[in-house]
Amino acid sequence: MTTFVTTITAMYTLQQPDPDYVVNALWEVTGVDGTYTASIEGNTQFNSADQVGAFIPYADLTEATVIGWIPENQMTSAQANVQGQIDSIITPPVSPANTPLPWSA
């Protein structure tokens, strides 16, 4: 079973509509299944029109808070991508071989 961990790797801010207003978060989802590890990076943009709840000052933000702002569909897609990478490591896909034609040998 794969365990997924999401980390915030960087945040970009503007000084409006509030000081140090986060407008973009870069993140990474890492999956570990036994000895197999894979990851994918992503980013999420934010704007004040989408803000739910009160403004949280930059210094008071936690990684868990910012991760909570990432839409669920982005997390689900990232985790599915990482799972696909791990599945391909465990069971590599079979690629067809370009075999010479038997009549041109």
PDB file of N, CA and C in Angstrom:
ATOM      1  N   MET A   1       0.841  -1.179   0.000  1.00  0.00           N
ATOM      2  CA  MET A   1       0.000   0.000   0.000  1.00  0.00           C
ATOM      3  C   MET A   1       0.885   1.241   0.000  1.00  0.00           C
ATOM      4  N   THR A   2       0.527   2.200  -0.812  1.00  0.00           N
ATOM      5  CA  THR A   2       1.323   3.412  -0.953  1.00  0.00           C
ATOM      6  C   THR A   2       0.906   4.455   0.078  1.00  0.00           C
ATOM      7  N   THR A   3       1.903   5.048   0.708  1.00  0.00           N
ATOM      8  CA  THR A   3       1.692   6.161   1.628  1.00  0.00           C
ATOM      9  C   THR A   3       2.107   7.437   0.914  1.00  0.00           C
ATOM     10  N   PHE A   4       1.235   8.427   0.907  1.00  0.00           N
ATOM     11  CA  PHE A   4       1.510   9.694   0.230  1.00  0.00           C
ATOM     12  C   PHE A   4       1.782  10.789   1.245  1.00  0.00           C
ATOM     13  N   VAL A   5       2.771  11.638   0.921  1.00  0.00           N
ATOM     14  CA  VAL A   5       3.099  12.796   1.748  1.00  0.00           C
ATOM     15  C   VAL A   5       3.162  14.008   0.824  1.00  0.00           C
ATOM     16  N   THR A   6       2.501  15.078   1.233  1.00  0.00           N
ATOM     17  CA  THR A   6       2.528  16.322   0.473  1.00  0.00           C
ATOM     18  C   THR A   6       3.330  17.349   1.254  1.00  0.00           C
ATOM     19  N   THR A   7       4.239  18.022   0.561  1.00  0.00           N
ATOM     20  CA  THR A   7       5.014  19.092   1.183  1.00  0.00           C
ATOM     21  C   THR A   7       4.899  20.351   0.331  1.00  0.00           C
ATOM     22  N   ILE A   8       4.905  21.479   0.993  1.00  0.00           N
ATOM     23  CA  ILE A   8       4.936  22.769   0.309  1.00  0.00           C
ATOM     24  C   ILE A   8       6.413  23.132   0.141  1.00  0.00           C
ATOM     25  N   THR A   9       6.829  23.426  -1.096  1.00  0.00           N
ATOM     26  CA  THR A   9       8.236  23.693  -1.365  1.00  0.00           C
ATOM     27  C   THR A   9       8.537  25.178  -1.548  1.00  0.00           C
ATOM     28  N   ALA A  10       7.525  25.985  -1.862  1.00  0.00           N
ATOM     29  CA  ALA A  10       7.719  27.433  -2.005  1.00  0.00           C
ATOM     30  C   ALA A  10       6.358  28.105  -2.059  1.00  0.00           C
ATOM     31  N   MET A  11       6.334  29.393  -1.697  1.00  0.00           N
ATOM     32  CA  MET A  11       5.116  30.186  -1.813  1.00  0.00           C
ATOM     33  C   MET A  11       5.483  31.561  -2.356  1.00  0.00           C
ATOM     34  N   TYR A  12       4.608  32.078  -3.200  1.00  0.00           N
ATOM     35  CA  TYR A  12       4.782  33.407  -3.766  1.00  0.00           C
ATOM     36  C   TYR A  12       3.676  34.303  -3.233  1.00  0.00           C
ATOM     37  N   THR A  13       4.032  35.545  -2.917  1.00  0.00           N
ATOM     38  CA  THR A  13       3.078  36.463  -2.298  1.00  0.00           C
ATOM     39  C   THR A  13       3.013  37.789  -3.041  1.00  0.00           C
ATOM     40  N   LEU A  14       1.911  38.482  -2.810  1.00  0.00           N
ATOM     41  CA  LEU A  14       1.733  39.879  -3.214  1.00  0.00           C
ATOM     42  C   LEU A  14       1.411  40.672  -1.957  1.00  0.00           C
ATOM     43  N   GLN A  15       1.523  41.980  -2.055  1.00  0.00           N
ATOM     44  CA  GLN A  15       1.230  42.825  -0.901  1.00  0.00           C
ATOM     45  C   GLN A  15      -0.216  43.328  -0.904  1.00  0.00           C
ATOM     46  N   GLN A  16      -1.033  42.747  -1.751  1.00  0.00           N
ATOM     47  CA  GLN A  16      -2.453  43.101  -1.791  1.00  0.00           C
ATOM     48  C   GLN A  16      -3.278  41.866  -2.088  1.00  0.00           C
ATOM     49  N   PRO A  17      -4.425  41.655  -1.670  1.00  0.00           N
ATOM     50  CA  PRO A  17      -5.234  42.618  -0.915  1.00  0.00           C
ATOM     51  C   PRO A  17      -4.808  42.745   0.551  1.00  0.00           C
ATOM     52  N   ASP A  18      -3.910  41.875   1.012  1.00  0.00           N
ATOM     53  CA  ASP A  18      -3.366  41.954   2.367  1.00  0.00           C
ATOM     54  C   ASP A  18      -1.857  41.773   2.274  1.00  0.00           C
ATOM     55  N   PRO A  19      -1.112  42.171   3.312  1.00  0.00           N
ATOM     56  CA  PRO A  19       0.348  41.973   3.274  1.00  0.00           C
ATOM     57  C   PRO A  19       0.707  40.479   3.161  1.00  0.00           C
ATOM     58  N   ASP A  20       1.668  40.188   2.302  1.00  0.00           N
ATOM     59  CA  ASP A  20       2.147  38.808   2.103  1.00  0.00           C
ATOM     60  C   ASP A  20       0.998  37.851   1.787  1.00  0.00           C
ATOM     61  N   TYR A  21       0.121  38.261   0.898  1.00  0.00           N
ATOM     62  CA  TYR A  21      -1.016  37.446   0.469  1.00  0.00           C
ATOM     63  C   TYR A  21      -0.495  36.359  -0.470  1.00  0.00           C
ATOM     64  N   VAL A  22      -0.698  35.106  -0.118  1.00  0.00           N
ATOM     65  CA  VAL A  22      -0.184  33.985  -0.907  1.00  0.00           C
ATOM     66  C   VAL A  22      -0.999  33.855  -2.191  1.00  0.00           C
ATOM     67  N   VAL A  23      -0.301  33.925  -3.329  1.00  0.00           N
ATOM     68  CA  VAL A  23      -0.970  33.803  -4.628  1.00  0.00           C
ATOM     69  C   VAL A  23      -0.578  32.526  -5.365  1.00  0.00           C
ATOM     70  N   ASN A  24       0.467  31.852  -4.902  1.00  0.00           N
ATOM     71  CA  ASN A  24       0.900  30.618  -5.561  1.00  0.00           C
ATOM     72  C   ASN A  24       1.673  29.764  -4.557  1.00  0.00           C
ATOM     73  N   ALA A  25       1.334  28.486  -4.521  1.00  0.00           N
ATOM     74  CA  ALA A  25       2.063  27.538  -3.678  1.00  0.00           C
ATOM     75  C   ALA A  25       2.598  26.425  -4.561  1.00  0.00           C
ATOM     76  N   LEU A  26       3.880  26.143  -4.427  1.00  0.00           N
ATOM     77  CA  LEU A  26       4.494  25.010  -5.111  1.00  0.00           C
ATOM     78  C   LEU A  26       4.539  23.861  -4.125  1.00  0.00           C
ATOM     79  N   TRP A  27       4.238  22.659  -4.620  1.00  0.00           N
ATOM     80  CA  TRP A  27       4.145  21.518  -3.729  1.00  0.00           C
ATOM     81  C   TRP A  27       4.685  20.268  -4.409  1.00  0.00           C
ATOM     82  N   GLU A  28       4.913  19.253  -3.588  1.00  0.00           N
ATOM     83  CA  GLU A  28       5.384  17.960  -4.084  1.00  0.00           C
ATOM     84  C   GLU A  28       4.624  16.859  -3.354  1.00  0.00           C
ATOM     85  N   VAL A  29       4.155  15.894  -4.129  1.00  0.00           N
ATOM     86  CA  VAL A  29       3.521  14.706  -3.559  1.00  0.00           C
ATOM     87  C   VAL A  29       4.494  13.551  -3.761  1.00  0.00           C
ATOM     88  N   THR A  30       4.855  12.890  -2.679  1.00  0.00           N
ATOM     89  CA  THR A  30       5.751  11.741  -2.710  1.00  0.00           C
ATOM     90  C   THR A  30       4.981  10.522  -2.235  1.00  0.00           C
ATOM     91  N   GLY A  31       5.156   9.429  -2.954  1.00  0.00           N
ATOM     92  CA  GLY A  31       4.530   8.181  -2.569  1.00  0.00           C
ATOM     93  C   GLY A  31       5.589   7.137  -2.275  1.00  0.00           C
ATOM     94  N   VAL A  32       5.371   6.361  -1.229  1.00  0.00           N
ATOM     95  CA  VAL A  32       6.294   5.291  -0.847  1.00  0.00           C
ATOM     96  C   VAL A  32       5.489   4.012  -0.692  1.00  0.00           C
ATOM     97  N   ASP A  33       5.950   2.980  -1.405  1.00  0.00           N
ATOM     98  CA  ASP A  33       5.338   1.651  -1.306  1.00  0.00           C
ATOM     99  C   ASP A  33       6.485   0.669  -1.080  1.00  0.00           C
ATOM    100  N   GLY A  34       6.719   0.329   0.173  1.00  0.00           N
ATOM    101  CA  GLY A  34       7.858  -0.539   0.498  1.00  0.00           C
ATOM    102  C   GLY A  34       9.153   0.168   0.149  1.00  0.00           C
ATOM    103  N   THR A  35       9.916  -0.402  -0.790  1.00  0.00           N
ATOM    104  CA  THR A  35      11.187   0.199  -1.191  1.00  0.00           C
ATOM    105  C   THR A  35      11.045   1.081  -2.421  1.00  0.00           C
ATOM    106  N   TYR A  36       9.839   1.237  -2.923  1.00  0.00           N
ATOM    107  CA  TYR A  36       9.600   2.008  -4.142  1.00  0.00           C
ATOM    108  C   TYR A  36       9.099   3.406  -3.800  1.00  0.00           C
ATOM    109  N   THR A  37       9.721   4.408  -4.421  1.00  0.00           N
ATOM    110  CA  THR A  37       9.367   5.803  -4.166  1.00  0.00           C
ATOM    111  C   THR A  37       9.227   6.542  -5.491  1.00  0.00           C
ATOM    112  N   ALA A  38       8.234   7.411  -5.562  1.00  0.00           N
ATOM    113  CA  ALA A  38       8.046   8.266  -6.730  1.00  0.00           C
ATOM    114  C   ALA A  38       7.440   9.578  -6.250  1.00  0.00           C
ATOM    115  N   SER A  39       7.559  10.616  -7.084  1.00  0.00           N
ATOM    116  CA  SER A  39       7.000  11.908  -6.688  1.00  0.00           C
ATOM    117  C   SER A  39       6.641  12.728  -7.922  1.00  0.00           C
ATOM    118  N   ILE A  40       5.852  13.754  -7.673  1.00  0.00           N
ATOM    119  CA  ILE A  40       5.477  14.714  -8.710  1.00  0.00           C
ATOM    120  C   ILE A  40       5.355  16.081  -8.049  1.00  0.00           C
ATOM    121  N   GLU A  41       5.724  17.105  -8.810  1.00  0.00           N
ATOM    122  CA  GLU A  41       5.601  18.467  -8.319  1.00  0.00           C
ATOM    123  C   GLU A  41       4.401  19.129  -8.971  1.00  0.00           C
ATOM    124  N   GLY A  42       3.844  20.103  -8.288  1.00  0.00           N
ATOM    125  CA  GLY A  42       2.731  20.844  -8.832  1.00  0.00           C
ATOM    126  C   GLY A  42       2.680  22.229  -8.224  1.00  0.00           C
ATOM    127  N   ASN A  43       1.750  23.033  -8.703  1.00  0.00           N
ATOM    128  CA  ASN A  43       1.555  24.350  -8.104  1.00  0.00           C
ATOM    129  C   ASN A  43       0.086  24.705  -8.172  1.00  0.00           C
ATOM    130  N   THR A  44      -0.315  25.514  -7.227  1.00  0.00           N
ATOM    131  CA  THR A  44      -1.696  25.965  -7.150  1.00  0.00           C
ATOM    132  C   THR A  44      -1.692  27.473  -6.987  1.00  0.00           C
ATOM    133  N   GLN A  45      -2.491  28.124  -7.820  1.00  0.00           N
ATOM    134  CA  GLN A  45      -2.621  29.574  -7.734  1.00  0.00           C
ATOM    135  C   GLN A  45      -3.877  29.925  -6.947  1.00  0.00           C
ATOM    136  N   PHE A  46      -3.804  31.035  -6.228  1.00  0.00           N
ATOM    137  CA  PHE A  46      -4.919  31.483  -5.399  1.00  0.00           C
ATOM    138  C   PHE A  46      -5.240  32.936  -5.740  1.00  0.00           C
ATOM    139  N   ASN A  47      -6.495  33.314  -5.558  1.00  0.00           N
ATOM    140  CA  ASN A  47      -6.862  34.723  -5.680  1.00  0.00           C
ATOM    141  C   ASN A  47      -7.888  35.051  -4.616  1.00  0.00           C
ATOM    142  N   SER A  48      -8.043  36.319  -4.343  1.00  0.00           N
ATOM    143  CA  SER A  48      -8.910  36.734  -3.242  1.00  0.00           C
ATOM    144  C   SER A  48     -10.371  36.374  -3.482  1.00  0.00           C
ATOM    145  N   ALA A  49     -10.776  36.231  -4.741  1.00  0.00           N
ATOM    146  CA  ALA A  49     -12.167  35.860  -5.028  1.00  0.00           C
ATOM    147  C   ALA A  49     -12.487  34.451  -4.537  1.00  0.00           C
ATOM    148  N   ASP A  50     -11.466  33.598  -4.447  1.00  0.00           N
ATOM    149  CA  ASP A  50     -11.673  32.214  -4.008  1.00  0.00           C
ATOM    150  C   ASP A  50     -11.491  32.028  -2.506  1.00  0.00           C
ATOM    151  N   GLN A  51     -11.087  33.088  -1.804  1.00  0.00           N
ATOM    152  CA  GLN A  51     -10.771  32.965  -0.386  1.00  0.00           C
ATOM    153  C   GLN A  51     -11.998  32.594   0.429  1.00  0.00           C
ATOM    154  N   VAL A  52     -11.825  31.578   1.266  1.00  0.00           N
ATOM    155  CA  VAL A  52     -12.877  31.152   2.180  1.00  0.00           C
ATOM    156  C   VAL A  52     -12.363  31.389   3.595  1.00  0.00           C
ATOM    157  N   GLY A  53     -13.115  32.071   4.394  1.00  0.00           N
ATOM    158  CA  GLY A  53     -12.703  32.341   5.769  1.00  0.00           C
ATOM    159  C   GLY A  53     -11.849  33.592   5.868  1.00  0.00           C
ATOM    160  N   ALA A  54     -11.409  33.855   7.062  1.00  0.00           N
ATOM    161  CA  ALA A  54     -10.636  35.057   7.345  1.00  0.00           C
ATOM    162  C   ALA A  54      -9.204  34.929   6.830  1.00  0.00           C
ATOM    163  N   PHE A  55      -8.601  36.068   6.506  1.00  0.00           N
ATOM    164  CA  PHE A  55      -7.204  36.111   6.090  1.00  0.00           C
ATOM    165  C   PHE A  55      -6.321  35.646   7.236  1.00  0.00           C
ATOM    166  N   ILE A  56      -5.339  34.806   6.920  1.00  0.00           N
ATOM    167  CA  ILE A  56      -4.371  34.327   7.917  1.00  0.00           C
ATOM    168  C   ILE A  56      -3.039  34.994   7.603  1.00  0.00           C
ATOM    169  N   PRO A  57      -2.475  35.743   8.543  1.00  0.00           N
ATOM    170  CA  PRO A  57      -1.178  36.382   8.294  1.00  0.00           C
ATOM    171  C   PRO A  57      -0.121  35.346   7.900  1.00  0.00           C
ATOM    172  N   TYR A  58       0.771  35.747   7.010  1.00  0.00           N
ATOM    173  CA  TYR A  58       1.792  34.845   6.476  1.00  0.00           C
ATOM    174  C   TYR A  58       2.559  34.147   7.605  1.00  0.00           C
ATOM    175  N   ALA A  59       2.952  34.888   8.606  1.00  0.00           N
ATOM    176  CA  ALA A  59       3.754  34.323   9.707  1.00  0.00           C
ATOM    177  C   ALA A  59       2.983  33.264  10.492  1.00  0.00           C
ATOM    178  N   ASP A  60       1.652  33.274  10.401  1.00  0.00           N
ATOM    179  CA  ASP A  60       0.833  32.322  11.144  1.00  0.00           C
ATOM    180  C   ASP A  60       0.443  31.099  10.324  1.00  0.00           C
ATOM    181  N   LEU A  61       0.806  31.083   9.046  1.00  0.00           N
ATOM    182  CA  LEU A  61       0.460  29.937   8.202  1.00  0.00           C
ATOM    183  C   LEU A  61       1.245  28.707   8.618  1.00  0.00           C
ATOM    184  N   THR A  62       0.606  27.556   8.501  1.00  0.00           N
ATOM    185  CA  THR A  62       1.292  26.282   8.693  1.00  0.00           C
ATOM    186  C   THR A  62       1.261  25.534   7.367  1.00  0.00           C
ATOM    187  N   GLU A  63       2.147  24.581   7.225  1.00  0.00           N
ATOM    188  CA  GLU A  63       2.151  23.783   6.007  1.00  0.00           C
ATOM    189  C   GLU A  63       0.808  23.073   5.834  1.00  0.00           C
ATOM    190  N   ALA A  64       0.244  22.575   6.915  1.00  0.00           N
ATOM    191  CA  ALA A  64      -1.043  21.872   6.844  1.00  0.00           C
ATOM    192  C   ALA A  64      -2.148  22.806   6.346  1.00  0.00           C
ATOM    193  N   THR A  65      -2.128  24.065   6.766  1.00  0.00           N
ATOM    194  CA  THR A  65      -3.127  25.032   6.308  1.00  0.00           C
ATOM    195  C   THR A  65      -3.035  25.226   4.804  1.00  0.00           C
ATOM    196  N   VAL A  66      -1.823  25.434   4.306  1.00  0.00           N
ATOM    197  CA  VAL A  66      -1.630  25.685   2.874  1.00  0.00           C
ATOM    198  C   VAL A  66      -1.975  24.432   2.065  1.00  0.00           C
ATOM    199  N   ILE A  67      -1.588  23.271   2.545  1.00  0.00           N
ATOM    200  CA  ILE A  67      -1.961  22.023   1.858  1.00  0.00           C
ATOM    201  C   ILE A  67      -3.484  21.916   1.775  1.00  0.00           C
ATOM    202  N   GLY A  68      -4.171  22.358   2.808  1.00  0.00           N
ATOM    203  CA  GLY A  68      -5.628  22.327   2.816  1.00  0.00           C
ATOM    204  C   GLY A  68      -6.259  23.223   1.768  1.00  0.00           C
ATOM    205  N   TRP A  69      -5.514  24.198   1.280  1.00  0.00           N
ATOM    206  CA  TRP A  69      -6.020  25.090   0.235  1.00  0.00           C
ATOM    207  C   TRP A  69      -5.948  24.451  -1.158  1.00  0.00           C
ATOM    208  N   ILE A  70      -5.168  23.408  -1.318  1.00  0.00           N
ATOM    209  CA  ILE A  70      -5.004  22.776  -2.627  1.00  0.00           C
ATOM    210  C   ILE A  70      -6.282  21.998  -2.948  1.00  0.00           C
ATOM    211  N   PRO A  71      -6.888  22.256  -4.105  1.00  0.00           N
ATOM    212  CA  PRO A  71      -8.135  21.558  -4.440  1.00  0.00           C
ATOM    213  C   PRO A  71      -7.962  20.038  -4.427  1.00  0.00           C
ATOM    214  N   GLU A  72      -8.998  19.364  -3.944  1.00  0.00           N
ATOM    215  CA  GLU A  72      -8.953  17.914  -3.807  1.00  0.00           C
ATOM    216  C   GLU A  72      -8.660  17.222  -5.139  1.00  0.00           C
ATOM    217  N   ASN A  73      -9.215  17.757  -6.238  1.00  0.00           N
ATOM    218  CA  ASN A  73      -8.974  17.107  -7.529  1.00  0.00           C
ATOM    219  C   ASN A  73      -7.502  17.171  -7.941  1.00  0.00           C
ATOM    220  N   GLN A  74      -6.790  18.222  -7.544  1.00  0.00           N
ATOM    221  CA  GLN A  74      -5.354  18.287  -7.839  1.00  0.00           C
ATOM    222  C   GLN A  74      -4.580  17.247  -7.034  1.00  0.00           C
ATOM    223  N   MET A  75      -4.955  17.082  -5.777  1.00  0.00           N
ATOM    224  CA  MET A  75      -4.283  16.086  -4.933  1.00  0.00           C
ATOM    225  C   MET A  75      -4.577  14.676  -5.434  1.00  0.00           C
ATOM    226  N   THR A  76      -5.833  14.412  -5.782  1.00  0.00           N
ATOM    227  CA  THR A  76      -6.207  13.088  -6.277  1.00  0.00           C
ATOM    228  C   THR A  76      -5.459  12.762  -7.555  1.00  0.00           C
ATOM    229  N   SER A  77      -5.364  13.734  -8.456  1.00  0.00           N
ATOM    230  CA  SER A  77      -4.651  13.531  -9.719  1.00  0.00           C
ATOM    231  C   SER A  77      -3.159  13.297  -9.479  1.00  0.00           C
ATOM    232  N   ALA A  78      -2.564  14.082  -8.587  1.00  0.00           N
ATOM    233  CA  ALA A  78      -1.135  13.926  -8.290  1.00  0.00           C
ATOM    234  C   ALA A  78      -0.861  12.556  -7.673  1.00  0.00           C
ATOM    235  N   GLN A  79      -1.710  12.137  -6.740  1.00  0.00           N
ATOM    236  CA  GLN A  79      -1.519  10.830  -6.113  1.00  0.00           C
ATOM    237  C   GLN A  79      -1.688   9.702  -7.124  1.00  0.00           C
ATOM    238  N   ALA A  80      -2.639   9.835  -8.038  1.00  0.00           N
ATOM    239  CA  ALA A  80      -2.830   8.813  -9.072  1.00  0.00           C
ATOM    240  C   ALA A  80      -1.610   8.741  -9.987  1.00  0.00           C
ATOM    241  N   ASN A  81      -1.031   9.897 -10.307  1.00  0.00           N
ATOM    242  CA  ASN A  81       0.170   9.922 -11.136  1.00  0.00           C
ATOM    243  C   ASN A  81       1.322   9.223 -10.429  1.00  0.00           C
ATOM    244  N   VAL A  82       1.522   9.536  -9.165  1.00  0.00           N
ATOM    245  CA  VAL A  82       2.601   8.915  -8.387  1.00  0.00           C
ATOM    246  C   VAL A  82       2.373   7.406  -8.274  1.00  0.00           C
ATOM    247  N   GLN A  83       1.119   7.010  -8.042  1.00  0.00           N
ATOM    248  CA  GLN A  83       0.820   5.576  -7.958  1.00  0.00           C
ATOM    249  C   GLN A  83       1.151   4.891  -9.284  1.00  0.00           C
ATOM    250  N   GLY A  84       0.832   5.545 -10.394  1.00  0.00           N
ATOM    251  CA  GLY A  84       1.162   4.994 -11.708  1.00  0.00           C
ATOM    252  C   GLY A  84       2.656   4.821 -11.894  1.00  0.00           C
ATOM    253  N   GLN A  85       3.440   5.801 -11.411  1.00  0.00           N
ATOM    254  CA  GLN A  85       4.904   5.681 -11.483  1.00  0.00           C
ATOM    255  C   GLN A  85       5.381   4.473 -10.684  1.00  0.00           C
ATOM    256  N   ILE A  86       4.862   4.334  -9.480  1.00  0.00           N
ATOM    257  CA  ILE A  86       5.280   3.213  -8.628  1.00  0.00           C
ATOM    258  C   ILE A  86       4.870   1.889  -9.261  1.00  0.00           C
ATOM    259  N   ASP A  87       3.645   1.822  -9.786  1.00  0.00           N
ATOM    260  CA  ASP A  87       3.188   0.593 -10.437  1.00  0.00           C
ATOM    261  C   ASP A  87       4.102   0.224 -11.611  1.00  0.00           C
ATOM    262  N   SER A  88       4.557   1.242 -12.352  1.00  0.00           N
ATOM    263  CA  SER A  88       5.446   0.984 -13.492  1.00  0.00           C
ATOM    264  C   SER A  88       6.835   0.548 -13.049  1.00  0.00           C
ATOM    265  N   ILE A  89       7.250   0.987 -11.874  1.00  0.00           N
ATOM    266  CA  ILE A  89       8.541   0.533 -11.338  1.00  0.00           C
ATOM    267  C   ILE A  89       8.421  -0.928 -10.907  1.00  0.00           C
ATOM    268  N   ILE A  90       7.328  -1.245 -10.210  1.00  0.00           N
ATOM    269  CA  ILE A  90       7.128  -2.609  -9.721  1.00  0.00           C
ATOM    270  C   ILE A  90       6.927  -3.585 -10.872  1.00  0.00           C
ATOM    271  N   THR A  91       6.100  -3.194 -11.830  1.00  0.00           N
ATOM    272  CA  THR A  91       5.813  -4.036 -12.992  1.00  0.00           C
ATOM    273  C   THR A  91       6.026  -3.189 -14.242  1.00  0.00           C
ATOM    274  N   PRO A  92       7.259  -3.184 -14.748  1.00  0.00           N
ATOM    275  CA  PRO A  92       7.541  -2.334 -15.911  1.00  0.00           C
ATOM    276  C   PRO A  92       6.647  -2.697 -17.092  1.00  0.00           C
ATOM    277  N   PRO A  93       6.188  -1.672 -17.806  1.00  0.00           N
ATOM    278  CA  PRO A  93       5.348  -1.952 -18.970  1.00  0.00           C
ATOM    279  C   PRO A  93       6.154  -2.693 -20.038  1.00  0.00           C
ATOM    280  N   VAL A  94       5.471  -3.531 -20.776  1.00  0.00           N
ATOM    281  CA  VAL A  94       6.118  -4.292 -21.839  1.00  0.00           C
ATOM    282  C   VAL A  94       6.049  -3.472 -23.110  1.00  0.00           C
ATOM    283  N   SER A  95       7.200  -3.265 -23.723  1.00  0.00           N
ATOM    284  CA  SER A  95       7.263  -2.512 -24.972  1.00  0.00           C
ATOM    285  C   SER A  95       7.481  -3.475 -26.125  1.00  0.00           C
ATOM    286  N   PRO A  96       6.746  -3.289 -27.216  1.00  0.00           N
ATOM    287  CA  PRO A  96       6.954  -4.166 -28.370  1.00  0.00           C
ATOM    288  C   PRO A  96       8.321  -3.893 -29.004  1.00  0.00           C
ATOM    289  N   ALA A  97       8.915  -4.947 -29.547  1.00  0.00           N
ATOM    290  CA  ALA A  97      10.221  -4.832 -30.206  1.00  0.00           C
ATOM    291  C   ALA A  97      10.021  -4.684 -31.703  1.00  0.00           C
ATOM    292  N   ASN A  98      10.856  -3.874 -32.328  1.00  0.00           N
ATOM    293  CA  ASN A  98      10.854  -3.730 -33.775  1.00  0.00           C
ATOM    294  C   ASN A  98      11.602  -4.935 -34.334  1.00  0.00           C
ATOM    295  N   THR A  99      10.865  -5.899 -34.794  1.00  0.00           N
ATOM    296  CA  THR A  99      11.428  -7.163 -35.266  1.00  0.00           C
ATOM    297  C   THR A  99      11.597  -7.129 -36.778  1.00  0.00           C
ATOM    298  N   PRO A 100      12.765  -7.506 -37.285  1.00  0.00           N
ATOM    299  CA  PRO A 100      12.961  -7.501 -38.734  1.00  0.00           C
ATOM    300  C   PRO A 100      11.941  -8.395 -39.428  1.00  0.00           C
ATOM    301  N   LEU A 101      11.534  -7.972 -40.603  1.00  0.00           N
ATOM    302  CA  LEU A 101      10.580  -8.768 -41.379  1.00  0.00           C
ATOM    303  C   LEU A 101      11.229 -10.073 -41.804  1.00  0.00           C
ATOM    304  N   PRO A 102      10.510 -11.179 -41.698  1.00  0.00           N
ATOM    305  CA  PRO A 102      11.117 -12.499 -41.981  1.00  0.00           C
ATOM    306  C   PRO A 102      11.493 -12.663 -43.456  1.00  0.00           C
ATOM    307  N   TRP A 103      10.858 -11.951 -44.346  1.00  0.00           N
ATOM    308  CA  TRP A 103      11.161 -12.118 -45.764  1.00  0.00           C
ATOM    309  C   TRP A 103      12.269 -11.210 -46.263  1.00  0.00           C
ATOM    310  N   SER A 104      12.796 -10.342 -45.383  1.00  0.00           N
ATOM    311  CA  SER A 104      13.878  -9.469 -45.861  1.00  0.00           C
ATOM    312  C   SER A 104      15.213  -9.815 -45.213  1.00  0.00           C
ATOM    313  N   ALA A 105      15.312 -10.988 -44.683  1.00  0.00           N
ATOM    314  CA  ALA A 105      16.553 -11.399 -44.001  1.00  0.00           C
ATOM    315  C   ALA A 105      17.589 -11.887 -44.997  1.00  0.00           C
TER     316      ALA A 105
END
